Amino acid sequence: MKKNFDNTGVVSFQTELFLMSIIQRQDMMDLARTDLAKLLLDYFYMSPSQQAYIATMTPAFKMTTGNGIAETWESGQYIQFQKDEKPPDDHYKDLVVIDPAMINNIADQSDQEQSVPIRLPISIWIRYQLQ
C-alpha cells in the first residue's frame, strides 16, 4: 500500500521494509539502486508536481542517491528523512541530500588492516524558503 510522502509516511515505509523477509528487502534495495524513480512512484503518493520533479532527476543523481539509500538499508539503518511543511506563500523548494559515504567513512585510516568501513545513514531534507 502506498504511503504519504512525508515524515510519517517515510518512517512507516522503512519500518515495513525492515519487517520484510530478507529476499523482499533485497528486492527493495535493488530497486532503489536500479530505478529510484519507480520505487518512489510505486510506494508513495506523489502530487503531479512531485511526479514531474522525479521525471527530471538526472541519472547520476538517481544512481548516487539510490545507492546511498540501499547501502543505508543494508547496514540496518533508517534513512534520515525530513520534509518541512510547505508554506502557503511563494517559495523555493530545496532538496538537500547528504551522503556521508561520499565524504569519508573509514574508522581509522592509519592502519588499513584494522580499519573498518562505517556506513553512516544518508540524509534527505526537503525544505522551503520564501522568495
N, C-alpha and C. Protein backbone atom coordinates (compact mmCIF):
# COMPACT_ATOMS: atom_id res chain seq x y z
N MET A 1 0.83 -1.18 0.00
CA MET A 1 0.00 0.00 0.00
C MET A 1 0.88 1.25 0.00
N LYS A 2 0.51 2.23 -0.79
CA LYS A 2 1.29 3.45 -0.89
C LYS A 2 1.22 4.26 0.40
N LYS A 3 2.30 4.97 0.65
CA LYS A 3 2.40 5.84 1.83
C LYS A 3 2.42 7.29 1.37
N ASN A 4 2.06 8.18 2.29
CA ASN A 4 2.22 9.60 2.02
C ASN A 4 3.71 9.91 1.97
N PHE A 5 4.09 10.83 1.10
CA PHE A 5 5.50 11.21 1.01
C PHE A 5 5.74 12.36 1.98
N ASP A 6 5.77 12.00 3.26
CA ASP A 6 6.04 12.95 4.33
C ASP A 6 6.83 12.20 5.40
N ASN A 7 7.14 12.89 6.49
CA ASN A 7 7.97 12.27 7.53
C ASN A 7 7.36 10.98 8.05
N THR A 8 6.07 11.01 8.37
CA THR A 8 5.40 9.83 8.91
C THR A 8 5.35 8.70 7.89
N GLY A 9 5.04 9.03 6.64
CA GLY A 9 4.95 8.01 5.60
C GLY A 9 6.28 7.32 5.33
N VAL A 10 7.36 8.09 5.32
CA VAL A 10 8.68 7.50 5.06
C VAL A 10 9.11 6.61 6.23
N VAL A 11 8.85 7.04 7.46
CA VAL A 11 9.17 6.19 8.62
C VAL A 11 8.35 4.90 8.57
N SER A 12 7.07 5.02 8.25
CA SER A 12 6.20 3.84 8.16
C SER A 12 6.70 2.87 7.08
N PHE A 13 7.08 3.41 5.93
CA PHE A 13 7.61 2.59 4.84
C PHE A 13 8.86 1.85 5.29
N GLN A 14 9.78 2.57 5.95
CA GLN A 14 11.03 1.94 6.36
C GLN A 14 10.80 0.89 7.45
N THR A 15 9.85 1.15 8.34
CA THR A 15 9.52 0.16 9.37
C THR A 15 9.02 -1.13 8.71
N GLU A 16 8.14 -0.98 7.72
CA GLU A 16 7.66 -2.16 6.99
C GLU A 16 8.79 -2.84 6.22
N LEU A 17 9.70 -2.05 5.67
CA LEU A 17 10.84 -2.60 4.94
C LEU A 17 11.65 -3.54 5.84
N PHE A 18 11.91 -3.10 7.07
CA PHE A 18 12.74 -3.91 7.96
C PHE A 18 11.98 -5.10 8.55
N LEU A 19 10.68 -5.15 8.35
CA LEU A 19 9.89 -6.32 8.76
C LEU A 19 9.74 -7.34 7.63
N MET A 20 10.17 -6.96 6.42
CA MET A 20 10.09 -7.86 5.27
C MET A 20 11.09 -9.00 5.40
N SER A 21 10.85 -10.04 4.62
CA SER A 21 11.83 -11.13 4.56
C SER A 21 13.12 -10.57 3.93
N ILE A 22 14.20 -11.28 4.12
CA ILE A 22 15.48 -10.84 3.57
C ILE A 22 15.40 -10.72 2.05
N ILE A 23 14.72 -11.64 1.41
CA ILE A 23 14.60 -11.61 -0.06
C ILE A 23 13.80 -10.39 -0.51
N GLN A 24 12.67 -10.13 0.16
CA GLN A 24 11.86 -8.95 -0.19
C GLN A 24 12.64 -7.66 0.04
N ARG A 25 13.35 -7.60 1.15
CA ARG A 25 14.14 -6.40 1.46
C ARG A 25 15.24 -6.21 0.42
N GLN A 26 15.89 -7.30 0.00
CA GLN A 26 16.93 -7.19 -1.02
C GLN A 26 16.33 -6.71 -2.34
N ASP A 27 15.15 -7.19 -2.68
CA ASP A 27 14.48 -6.71 -3.90
C ASP A 27 14.24 -5.20 -3.83
N MET A 28 13.85 -4.70 -2.66
CA MET A 28 13.60 -3.27 -2.49
C MET A 28 14.91 -2.48 -2.60
N MET A 29 15.98 -3.01 -2.03
CA MET A 29 17.28 -2.34 -2.14
C MET A 29 17.77 -2.34 -3.58
N ASP A 30 17.55 -3.44 -4.28
CA ASP A 30 17.92 -3.50 -5.70
C ASP A 30 17.12 -2.48 -6.51
N LEU A 31 15.84 -2.31 -6.18
CA LEU A 31 15.01 -1.33 -6.87
C LEU A 31 15.51 0.09 -6.60
N ALA A 32 15.92 0.37 -5.37
CA ALA A 32 16.47 1.70 -5.05
C ALA A 32 17.71 1.97 -5.90
N ARG A 33 18.53 0.95 -6.08
CA ARG A 33 19.76 1.12 -6.87
C ARG A 33 19.49 1.26 -8.36
N THR A 34 18.55 0.49 -8.87
CA THR A 34 18.37 0.44 -10.33
C THR A 34 17.31 1.40 -10.86
N ASP A 35 16.31 1.73 -10.04
CA ASP A 35 15.23 2.60 -10.52
C ASP A 35 14.59 3.33 -9.35
N LEU A 36 15.30 4.33 -8.84
CA LEU A 36 14.81 5.11 -7.70
C LEU A 36 13.46 5.75 -8.00
N ALA A 37 13.28 6.23 -9.23
CA ALA A 37 12.00 6.86 -9.59
C ALA A 37 10.85 5.87 -9.45
N LYS A 38 11.03 4.65 -9.91
CA LYS A 38 9.98 3.62 -9.80
C LYS A 38 9.66 3.34 -8.34
N LEU A 39 10.68 3.22 -7.51
CA LEU A 39 10.46 2.98 -6.09
C LEU A 39 9.59 4.09 -5.50
N LEU A 40 9.95 5.34 -5.77
CA LEU A 40 9.19 6.47 -5.23
C LEU A 40 7.76 6.48 -5.74
N LEU A 41 7.58 6.28 -7.03
CA LEU A 41 6.24 6.34 -7.63
C LEU A 41 5.37 5.15 -7.25
N ASP A 42 5.97 3.98 -7.07
CA ASP A 42 5.20 2.78 -6.74
C ASP A 42 4.81 2.71 -5.26
N TYR A 43 5.60 3.31 -4.38
CA TYR A 43 5.38 3.12 -2.95
C TYR A 43 4.93 4.37 -2.20
N PHE A 44 4.88 5.51 -2.88
CA PHE A 44 4.46 6.75 -2.24
C PHE A 44 3.46 7.50 -3.11
N TYR A 45 2.49 8.13 -2.45
CA TYR A 45 1.58 9.03 -3.16
C TYR A 45 2.37 10.28 -3.53
N MET A 46 2.34 10.63 -4.80
CA MET A 46 3.07 11.81 -5.28
C MET A 46 2.11 12.74 -6.01
N SER A 47 2.23 14.02 -5.73
CA SER A 47 1.43 15.02 -6.44
C SER A 47 1.95 15.14 -7.86
N PRO A 48 1.18 15.75 -8.75
CA PRO A 48 1.68 15.94 -10.12
C PRO A 48 3.01 16.70 -10.18
N SER A 49 3.18 17.70 -9.31
CA SER A 49 4.46 18.44 -9.32
C SER A 49 5.60 17.56 -8.82
N GLN A 50 5.34 16.69 -7.86
CA GLN A 50 6.37 15.76 -7.39
C GLN A 50 6.72 14.75 -8.47
N GLN A 51 5.72 14.27 -9.18
CA GLN A 51 5.96 13.34 -10.28
C GLN A 51 6.81 14.00 -11.36
N ALA A 52 6.52 15.26 -11.66
CA ALA A 52 7.31 16.00 -12.66
C ALA A 52 8.75 16.17 -12.18
N TYR A 53 8.93 16.45 -10.89
CA TYR A 53 10.28 16.61 -10.35
C TYR A 53 11.06 15.30 -10.46
N ILE A 54 10.42 14.20 -10.12
CA ILE A 54 11.07 12.89 -10.22
C ILE A 54 11.48 12.60 -11.66
N ALA A 55 10.63 12.98 -12.60
CA ALA A 55 10.94 12.74 -14.02
C ALA A 55 12.14 13.55 -14.49
N THR A 56 12.46 14.65 -13.81
CA THR A 56 13.59 15.49 -14.23
C THR A 56 14.88 15.19 -13.47
N MET A 57 14.84 14.26 -12.52
CA MET A 57 16.08 13.92 -11.80
C MET A 57 17.08 13.32 -12.78
N THR A 58 18.32 13.74 -12.66
CA THR A 58 19.35 13.23 -13.56
C THR A 58 19.66 11.77 -13.24
N PRO A 59 20.11 11.01 -14.23
CA PRO A 59 20.51 9.63 -13.95
C PRO A 59 21.60 9.54 -12.88
N ALA A 60 22.55 10.47 -12.89
CA ALA A 60 23.62 10.44 -11.89
C ALA A 60 23.06 10.66 -10.49
N PHE A 61 22.14 11.60 -10.35
CA PHE A 61 21.53 11.86 -9.04
C PHE A 61 20.75 10.63 -8.56
N LYS A 62 19.96 10.04 -9.45
CA LYS A 62 19.18 8.86 -9.07
C LYS A 62 20.10 7.70 -8.68
N MET A 63 21.20 7.54 -9.40
CA MET A 63 22.11 6.44 -9.11
C MET A 63 22.81 6.64 -7.76
N THR A 64 23.38 7.82 -7.53
CA THR A 64 24.11 8.04 -6.27
C THR A 64 23.16 8.04 -5.08
N THR A 65 22.00 8.65 -5.23
CA THR A 65 21.04 8.68 -4.13
C THR A 65 20.47 7.28 -3.88
N GLY A 66 20.13 6.57 -4.94
CA GLY A 66 19.62 5.21 -4.80
C GLY A 66 20.63 4.28 -4.15
N ASN A 67 21.90 4.41 -4.53
CA ASN A 67 22.95 3.60 -3.90
C ASN A 67 23.08 3.94 -2.42
N GLY A 68 23.04 5.23 -2.09
CA GLY A 68 23.13 5.64 -0.69
C GLY A 68 21.98 5.12 0.14
N ILE A 69 20.79 5.15 -0.43
CA ILE A 69 19.61 4.63 0.26
C ILE A 69 19.76 3.12 0.48
N ALA A 70 20.13 2.39 -0.56
CA ALA A 70 20.28 0.94 -0.45
C ALA A 70 21.38 0.56 0.55
N GLU A 71 22.50 1.26 0.51
CA GLU A 71 23.59 0.97 1.45
C GLU A 71 23.17 1.27 2.89
N THR A 72 22.40 2.32 3.08
CA THR A 72 21.91 2.64 4.43
C THR A 72 21.02 1.51 4.93
N TRP A 73 20.09 1.06 4.09
CA TRP A 73 19.22 -0.05 4.49
C TRP A 73 20.02 -1.33 4.72
N GLU A 74 21.01 -1.59 3.86
CA GLU A 74 21.84 -2.80 4.03
C GLU A 74 22.56 -2.79 5.36
N SER A 75 22.90 -1.61 5.86
CA SER A 75 23.59 -1.52 7.15
C SER A 75 22.61 -1.60 8.32
N GLY A 76 21.32 -1.77 8.01
CA GLY A 76 20.32 -1.92 9.06
C GLY A 76 19.84 -0.60 9.64
N GLN A 77 20.07 0.49 8.94
CA GLN A 77 19.70 1.81 9.44
C GLN A 77 18.59 2.43 8.61
N TYR A 78 17.87 3.32 9.24
CA TYR A 78 16.86 4.11 8.55
C TYR A 78 17.52 5.29 7.85
N ILE A 79 16.97 5.67 6.71
CA ILE A 79 17.36 6.91 6.06
C ILE A 79 16.93 8.04 6.98
N GLN A 80 17.77 9.05 7.12
CA GLN A 80 17.37 10.23 7.88
C GLN A 80 16.61 11.13 6.91
N PHE A 81 15.31 11.21 7.10
CA PHE A 81 14.43 11.93 6.17
C PHE A 81 13.69 13.02 6.91
N GLN A 82 13.73 14.23 6.37
CA GLN A 82 12.98 15.35 6.95
C GLN A 82 12.34 16.13 5.81
N LYS A 83 11.03 16.24 5.85
CA LYS A 83 10.31 17.06 4.87
C LYS A 83 9.57 18.14 5.64
N ASP A 84 9.96 19.38 5.42
CA ASP A 84 9.33 20.50 6.09
C ASP A 84 7.95 20.76 5.51
N GLU A 85 7.13 21.47 6.28
CA GLU A 85 5.80 21.86 5.82
C GLU A 85 5.94 22.92 4.73
N LYS A 86 5.14 22.79 3.71
CA LYS A 86 5.15 23.76 2.61
C LYS A 86 4.42 25.03 3.05
N PRO A 87 5.07 26.20 2.91
CA PRO A 87 4.39 27.45 3.28
C PRO A 87 3.33 27.81 2.24
N PRO A 88 2.32 28.58 2.65
CA PRO A 88 1.26 28.95 1.72
C PRO A 88 1.70 29.98 0.68
N ASP A 89 2.73 30.76 0.98
CA ASP A 89 3.20 31.82 0.08
C ASP A 89 4.12 31.25 -0.99
N ASP A 90 4.54 32.14 -1.90
CA ASP A 90 5.53 31.74 -2.91
C ASP A 90 6.80 31.29 -2.20
N HIS A 91 7.40 30.26 -2.73
CA HIS A 91 8.57 29.70 -2.06
C HIS A 91 9.46 28.97 -3.06
N TYR A 92 10.69 28.79 -2.62
CA TYR A 92 11.63 27.93 -3.34
C TYR A 92 11.68 26.61 -2.60
N LYS A 93 11.83 25.55 -3.35
CA LYS A 93 11.95 24.22 -2.74
C LYS A 93 13.39 23.77 -2.91
N ASP A 94 14.00 23.35 -1.82
CA ASP A 94 15.35 22.81 -1.85
C ASP A 94 15.31 21.33 -1.49
N LEU A 95 16.12 20.56 -2.17
CA LEU A 95 16.32 19.16 -1.83
C LEU A 95 17.78 19.02 -1.43
N VAL A 96 18.01 18.71 -0.17
CA VAL A 96 19.36 18.58 0.35
C VAL A 96 19.61 17.10 0.64
N VAL A 97 20.59 16.53 -0.04
CA VAL A 97 20.95 15.13 0.17
C VAL A 97 22.39 15.10 0.65
N ILE A 98 22.60 14.54 1.82
CA ILE A 98 23.95 14.41 2.37
C ILE A 98 24.23 12.93 2.54
N ASP A 99 25.23 12.47 1.82
CA ASP A 99 25.62 11.07 1.93
C ASP A 99 27.03 11.02 2.51
N PRO A 100 27.15 10.74 3.81
CA PRO A 100 28.48 10.71 4.42
C PRO A 100 29.44 9.74 3.75
N ALA A 101 28.92 8.72 3.07
CA ALA A 101 29.80 7.76 2.38
C ALA A 101 30.55 8.44 1.25
N MET A 102 30.00 9.53 0.73
CA MET A 102 30.67 10.25 -0.34
C MET A 102 31.80 11.12 0.21
N ILE A 103 31.81 11.32 1.53
CA ILE A 103 32.85 12.14 2.15
C ILE A 103 34.02 11.22 2.53
N ASN A 104 33.86 10.46 3.60
CA ASN A 104 34.88 9.51 4.02
C ASN A 104 34.39 8.81 5.27
N ASN A 105 34.22 7.53 5.21
CA ASN A 105 33.70 6.79 6.35
C ASN A 105 34.63 5.66 6.79
N ILE A 106 35.88 5.95 6.95
CA ILE A 106 36.81 4.95 7.43
C ILE A 106 37.11 5.26 8.90
N ALA A 107 36.94 4.26 9.76
CA ALA A 107 37.12 4.48 11.19
C ALA A 107 38.55 4.89 11.53
N ASP A 108 39.53 4.24 10.94
CA ASP A 108 40.93 4.54 11.23
C ASP A 108 41.73 4.28 9.98
N GLN A 109 42.19 5.33 9.35
CA GLN A 109 42.93 5.17 8.10
C GLN A 109 44.41 4.86 8.34
N SER A 110 44.90 5.01 9.56
CA SER A 110 46.32 4.80 9.81
C SER A 110 46.70 3.32 9.73
N ASP A 111 45.81 2.43 10.03
CA ASP A 111 46.09 1.00 9.98
C ASP A 111 45.06 0.34 9.07
N GLN A 112 45.40 0.20 7.80
CA GLN A 112 44.44 -0.30 6.81
C GLN A 112 43.95 -1.71 7.11
N GLU A 113 44.77 -2.54 7.77
CA GLU A 113 44.33 -3.90 8.07
C GLU A 113 43.22 -3.91 9.11
N GLN A 114 43.24 -2.95 10.02
CA GLN A 114 42.25 -2.95 11.08
C GLN A 114 41.13 -1.95 10.85
N SER A 115 41.24 -1.14 9.80
CA SER A 115 40.18 -0.15 9.58
C SER A 115 38.92 -0.84 9.08
N VAL A 116 37.80 -0.34 9.53
CA VAL A 116 36.51 -0.92 9.19
C VAL A 116 35.65 0.18 8.56
N PRO A 117 35.14 -0.06 7.37
CA PRO A 117 34.25 0.94 6.79
C PRO A 117 32.99 1.09 7.65
N ILE A 118 32.62 2.32 7.88
CA ILE A 118 31.42 2.62 8.65
C ILE A 118 30.39 3.22 7.70
N ARG A 119 29.19 2.70 7.69
CA ARG A 119 28.15 3.26 6.84
C ARG A 119 27.26 4.15 7.70
N LEU A 120 27.40 5.44 7.52
CA LEU A 120 26.51 6.38 8.17
C LEU A 120 25.29 6.56 7.27
N PRO A 121 24.12 6.79 7.84
CA PRO A 121 22.92 6.87 7.01
C PRO A 121 22.90 8.10 6.11
N ILE A 122 22.33 7.92 4.93
CA ILE A 122 22.12 9.04 4.03
C ILE A 122 21.04 9.93 4.65
N SER A 123 21.16 11.22 4.43
CA SER A 123 20.22 12.19 4.98
C SER A 123 19.56 12.95 3.84
N ILE A 124 18.24 13.01 3.85
CA ILE A 124 17.49 13.71 2.81
C ILE A 124 16.59 14.73 3.50
N TRP A 125 16.70 15.99 3.06
CA TRP A 125 15.94 17.07 3.67
C TRP A 125 15.27 17.86 2.56
N ILE A 126 13.95 17.95 2.62
CA ILE A 126 13.19 18.77 1.68
C ILE A 126 12.73 19.99 2.46
N ARG A 127 13.19 21.16 2.04
CA ARG A 127 12.87 22.38 2.77
C ARG A 127 12.35 23.45 1.82
N TYR A 128 11.71 24.43 2.39
CA TYR A 128 11.11 25.51 1.60
C TYR A 128 11.61 26.84 2.13
N GLN A 129 11.89 27.75 1.21
CA GLN A 129 12.33 29.10 1.57
C GLN A 129 11.45 30.09 0.84
N LEU A 130 11.09 31.15 1.54
CA LEU A 130 10.28 32.18 0.90
C LEU A 130 11.07 32.88 -0.17
N GLN A 131 10.38 33.31 -1.20
CA GLN A 131 11.05 34.01 -2.31
C GLN A 131 11.35 35.44 -1.91
